Amino acid sequence: MKEATPRKALDAIEQLGYRPNQTARSLKTKKSQQIAVLVPAASGVHRNRNRF
């Protein structure tokens, strides 16, 4: 690879405003770097909705 090739690529990235897509990266690597938090619903919330 010529020395100018990586520099041209980096120049194009900067000029076009390229930003890596985290969703695409997650699909490729099969790692999302996210965690899920499960919180049980409060028992009174469901009863209060039915009053209106």
Protein backbone atom coordinates (compact mmCIF):
# COMPACT_ATOMS: atom_id res chain seq x y z
CA MET A 1 0.00 0.00 0.00
CA LYS A 2 1.32 3.42 -0.87
CA GLU A 3 1.95 5.88 1.92
CA ALA A 4 -0.58 8.30 0.43
CA THR A 5 -3.46 5.80 0.52
CA PRO A 6 -4.15 5.91 4.30
CA ARG A 7 -3.79 9.69 4.27
CA LYS A 8 -6.33 9.96 1.43
CA ALA A 9 -8.73 7.74 3.35
CA LEU A 10 -8.38 9.82 6.51
CA ASP A 11 -8.83 13.03 4.51
CA ALA A 12 -12.02 11.66 2.94
CA ILE A 13 -13.33 10.60 6.38
CA GLU A 14 -12.75 14.09 7.73
CA GLN A 15 -14.12 15.88 4.65
CA LEU A 16 -17.31 13.80 4.52
CA GLY A 17 -17.90 13.95 8.27
CA TYR A 18 -17.94 10.16 8.59
CA ARG A 19 -19.03 8.81 11.96
CA PRO A 20 -19.03 5.08 12.73
CA ASN A 21 -22.51 3.60 13.08
CA GLN A 22 -22.81 1.90 16.47
CA THR A 23 -25.76 -0.27 15.36
CA ALA A 24 -23.84 -1.59 12.36
CA ARG A 25 -20.82 -2.26 14.56
CA SER A 26 -23.01 -4.17 17.03
CA LEU A 27 -24.39 -6.36 14.26
CA LYS A 28 -20.91 -7.13 12.93
CA THR A 29 -19.27 -7.84 16.30
CA LYS A 30 -22.37 -9.36 17.93
CA LYS A 31 -21.67 -7.14 20.96
CA SER A 32 -23.86 -4.15 21.75
CA GLN A 33 -21.97 -2.79 24.79
CA GLN A 34 -25.38 -2.21 26.41
CA ILE A 35 -27.05 -3.66 29.47
CA ALA A 36 -30.72 -4.11 30.26
CA VAL A 37 -32.35 -3.21 33.55
CA LEU A 38 -35.61 -4.91 34.45
CA VAL A 39 -37.78 -3.18 37.02
CA PRO A 40 -41.02 -4.73 38.28
CA ALA A 41 -44.11 -2.60 37.80
CA ALA A 42 -45.52 -0.97 40.92
CA SER A 43 -48.72 -2.71 41.98
CA GLY A 44 -50.71 0.52 42.34
CA VAL A 45 -49.98 1.77 38.84
CA HIS A 46 -52.29 -0.67 37.09
CA ARG A 47 -55.19 -0.08 39.48
CA ASN A 48 -54.98 3.71 39.12
CA ARG A 49 -55.18 3.53 35.32
CA ASN A 50 -58.53 1.74 35.43
CA ARG A 51 -60.18 4.50 37.49
CA PHE A 52 -60.25 6.99 34.61
